[in-house]
N, C-alpha and C. Protein backbone atom coordinates (compact mmCIF):
# COMPACT_ATOMS: atom_id res chain seq x y z
N MET A 1 97.97 100.89 78.87
CA MET A 1 96.82 101.14 79.76
C MET A 1 97.29 101.52 81.28
N LYS A 2 96.72 102.71 81.76
CA LYS A 2 97.11 103.11 83.11
C LYS A 2 95.78 102.99 84.05
N VAL A 3 95.97 102.73 85.15
CA VAL A 3 94.77 102.79 86.03
C VAL A 3 94.97 103.44 87.45
N LYS A 4 93.99 103.84 88.09
CA LYS A 4 94.10 104.44 89.34
C LYS A 4 93.04 104.12 90.25
N VAL A 5 92.95 104.19 91.53
CA VAL A 5 91.94 104.08 92.23
C VAL A 5 91.60 105.43 93.02
N LYS A 6 90.24 105.75 92.96
CA LYS A 6 89.94 107.08 93.58
C LYS A 6 89.65 106.72 94.95
N GLN A 7 90.59 107.12 95.82
CA GLN A 7 90.33 106.61 97.21
C GLN A 7 89.14 107.08 97.88
N GLU A 8 88.58 108.45 97.61
CA GLU A 8 87.33 108.71 98.21
C GLU A 8 86.10 107.86 97.72
N ALA A 9 86.13 107.18 96.63
CA ALA A 9 85.14 106.61 96.19
C ALA A 9 85.07 105.06 96.62
N CYS A 10 86.30 104.53 96.97
CA CYS A 10 86.53 103.17 97.30
C CYS A 10 85.78 102.82 98.66
N ILE A 11 85.15 101.54 98.66
CA ILE A 11 84.59 101.11 99.90
C ILE A 11 85.26 99.94 100.59
N GLY A 12 86.45 99.52 99.74
CA GLY A 12 87.20 98.26 100.35
C GLY A 12 86.58 96.87 100.27
N CYS A 13 85.71 96.75 99.20
CA CYS A 13 84.89 95.57 99.22
C CYS A 13 85.69 94.41 98.76
N GLY A 14 86.88 94.62 97.91
CA GLY A 14 87.64 93.57 97.38
C GLY A 14 87.46 93.07 96.00
N ALA A 15 86.45 93.69 95.51
CA ALA A 15 86.06 93.20 94.04
C ALA A 15 87.23 93.22 93.06
N CYS A 16 88.04 94.22 93.17
CA CYS A 16 88.97 94.67 92.29
C CYS A 16 90.28 93.34 92.48
N THR A 17 90.63 93.17 93.76
CA THR A 17 91.66 92.13 94.09
C THR A 17 91.19 90.79 93.79
N ALA A 18 89.82 90.46 93.89
CA ALA A 18 89.25 89.24 93.38
C ALA A 18 89.37 89.12 91.92
N ALA A 19 89.33 90.23 91.30
CA ALA A 19 89.57 90.22 89.61
C ALA A 19 90.91 90.46 89.34
N ALA A 20 91.77 91.03 89.90
CA ALA A 20 93.06 91.19 89.53
C ALA A 20 94.17 91.48 90.56
N ASP A 21 94.19 90.38 91.46
CA ASP A 21 95.22 90.72 92.74
C ASP A 21 96.56 91.12 92.25
N GLU A 22 96.98 90.95 91.04
CA GLU A 22 98.26 91.19 90.58
C GLU A 22 98.26 92.83 90.46
N LEU A 23 97.08 93.58 90.38
CA LEU A 23 97.21 94.83 90.10
C LEU A 23 96.70 95.72 91.17
N PHE A 24 95.98 95.05 92.30
CA PHE A 24 95.38 95.87 93.34
C PHE A 24 95.50 95.13 94.67
N LYS A 25 95.60 96.11 95.68
CA LYS A 25 95.67 95.36 97.03
C LYS A 25 94.90 96.44 98.02
N ILE A 26 94.28 95.77 99.01
CA ILE A 26 93.67 96.75 100.18
C ILE A 26 94.94 97.13 101.11
N ASN A 27 94.80 98.49 101.32
CA ASN A 27 95.83 99.05 102.15
C ASN A 27 95.43 98.99 103.73
N GLU A 28 96.39 99.52 104.56
CA GLU A 28 96.07 99.70 105.89
C GLU A 28 94.86 100.28 106.18
N GLU A 29 94.28 101.28 105.50
CA GLU A 29 93.12 102.02 105.64
C GLU A 29 91.90 101.33 105.25
N GLY A 30 92.08 100.17 104.65
CA GLY A 30 90.98 99.33 104.16
C GLY A 30 90.38 99.83 102.93
N VAL A 31 91.11 100.46 102.13
CA VAL A 31 90.74 100.65 100.85
C VAL A 31 91.82 100.26 99.75
N SER A 32 91.36 100.21 98.44
CA SER A 32 92.02 99.70 97.52
C SER A 32 93.23 100.50 97.03
N VAL A 33 94.28 100.14 96.59
CA VAL A 33 95.20 100.79 95.86
C VAL A 33 95.79 100.02 94.60
N ALA A 34 96.18 100.70 93.67
CA ALA A 34 96.88 99.98 92.62
C ALA A 34 98.31 99.83 92.77
N THR A 35 98.68 98.50 92.73
CA THR A 35 100.04 98.21 92.88
C THR A 35 101.15 98.86 91.77
N THR A 36 100.57 99.19 90.69
CA THR A 36 101.22 99.70 89.58
C THR A 36 100.36 100.52 88.74
N SER A 37 100.84 101.65 88.32
CA SER A 37 100.01 102.52 87.54
C SER A 37 99.78 102.20 86.05
N VAL A 38 100.87 101.59 85.52
CA VAL A 38 100.99 100.97 84.04
C VAL A 38 100.62 99.47 84.03
N VAL A 39 99.48 99.07 83.41
CA VAL A 39 99.05 97.64 83.39
C VAL A 39 99.92 97.09 82.33
N PRO A 40 100.47 95.85 82.69
CA PRO A 40 101.31 95.16 81.63
C PRO A 40 100.34 94.53 80.59
N ASP A 41 100.59 94.54 79.43
CA ASP A 41 99.60 94.03 78.33
C ASP A 41 99.02 92.73 78.66
N GLU A 42 99.69 91.79 79.36
CA GLU A 42 99.18 90.42 79.67
C GLU A 42 98.06 90.48 80.77
N LEU A 43 97.92 91.65 81.31
CA LEU A 43 96.95 91.94 82.40
C LEU A 43 95.81 92.87 82.22
N ILE A 44 95.75 93.44 80.95
CA ILE A 44 94.73 94.43 80.58
C ILE A 44 93.37 93.81 80.73
N ASP A 45 93.15 92.64 80.25
CA ASP A 45 91.76 91.99 80.44
C ASP A 45 91.38 92.00 81.90
N LYS A 46 92.27 91.63 82.91
CA LYS A 46 91.98 91.69 84.38
C LYS A 46 91.84 93.00 84.80
N ALA A 47 92.48 93.96 84.32
CA ALA A 47 92.21 95.29 84.80
C ALA A 47 90.96 95.77 84.42
N LYS A 48 90.57 95.48 83.07
CA LYS A 48 89.22 95.82 82.74
C LYS A 48 88.15 95.18 83.50
N ASP A 49 88.26 93.85 83.94
CA ASP A 49 87.36 93.14 84.87
C ASP A 49 87.34 93.81 86.05
N ALA A 50 88.32 94.25 86.63
CA ALA A 50 88.34 94.93 87.91
C ALA A 50 87.63 96.32 87.80
N ILE A 51 87.83 97.15 86.65
CA ILE A 51 87.06 98.39 86.57
C ILE A 51 85.54 98.00 86.53
N GLN A 52 85.03 97.25 85.80
CA GLN A 52 83.58 96.70 85.76
C GLN A 52 83.20 96.28 86.97
N SER A 53 84.11 95.55 87.69
CA SER A 53 83.35 94.80 88.97
C SER A 53 83.35 95.84 90.04
N CYS A 54 83.91 96.98 90.03
CA CYS A 54 84.01 97.90 91.20
C CYS A 54 82.58 98.50 91.22
N PRO A 55 81.88 98.26 92.38
CA PRO A 55 80.41 98.83 92.73
C PRO A 55 80.43 100.38 92.71
N THR A 56 81.49 101.00 93.07
CA THR A 56 81.38 102.55 93.29
C THR A 56 82.06 103.19 92.21
N ASP A 57 82.51 102.60 91.16
CA ASP A 57 83.28 102.99 89.98
C ASP A 57 84.60 103.79 90.39
N ALA A 58 85.20 103.35 91.42
CA ALA A 58 86.46 103.88 92.20
C ALA A 58 87.68 103.77 91.33
N ILE A 59 87.64 102.60 90.38
CA ILE A 59 88.77 102.39 89.52
C ILE A 59 88.67 103.01 88.17
N VAL A 60 89.62 103.73 87.71
CA VAL A 60 89.44 104.42 86.45
C VAL A 60 90.69 104.15 85.68
N GLU A 61 90.33 104.15 84.30
CA GLU A 61 91.40 104.01 83.25
C GLU A 61 91.91 105.53 83.28
N VAL A 62 93.10 105.66 83.29
CA VAL A 62 93.83 107.09 83.12
C VAL A 62 94.39 107.24 81.78
N SER A 63 93.95 108.18 81.06
CA SER A 63 94.59 108.58 79.78
C SER A 63 95.58 109.72 80.10
N GLU A 64 96.48 110.04 79.32
CA GLU A 64 97.60 111.09 79.53
C GLU A 64 96.63 112.37 79.61
N ASP A 65 95.55 112.49 79.13
CA ASP A 65 94.98 113.85 79.24
C ASP A 65 94.29 114.03 80.56
N ASN A 66 94.07 112.98 81.42
CA ASN A 66 93.51 113.16 82.74
C ASN A 66 94.13 112.65 83.94
N GLU A 67 95.43 112.76 83.69
CA GLU A 67 96.35 111.97 84.63
C GLU A 67 96.34 112.90 85.85
């Protein structure tokens, strides 16, 4: 599984870091960034929680077709 944060959609609310602080952080501009593009197998559930918790749908799962 791969994830990315659509910077233009992120409002920096921190829902993703609350769900998966191993995978996301808030940067200097106040928006979220993924700390890794490839999610380790043991963190897939947390990544899915972060995707679902994002109020602006800024976190997306990336397939090889839409990278």
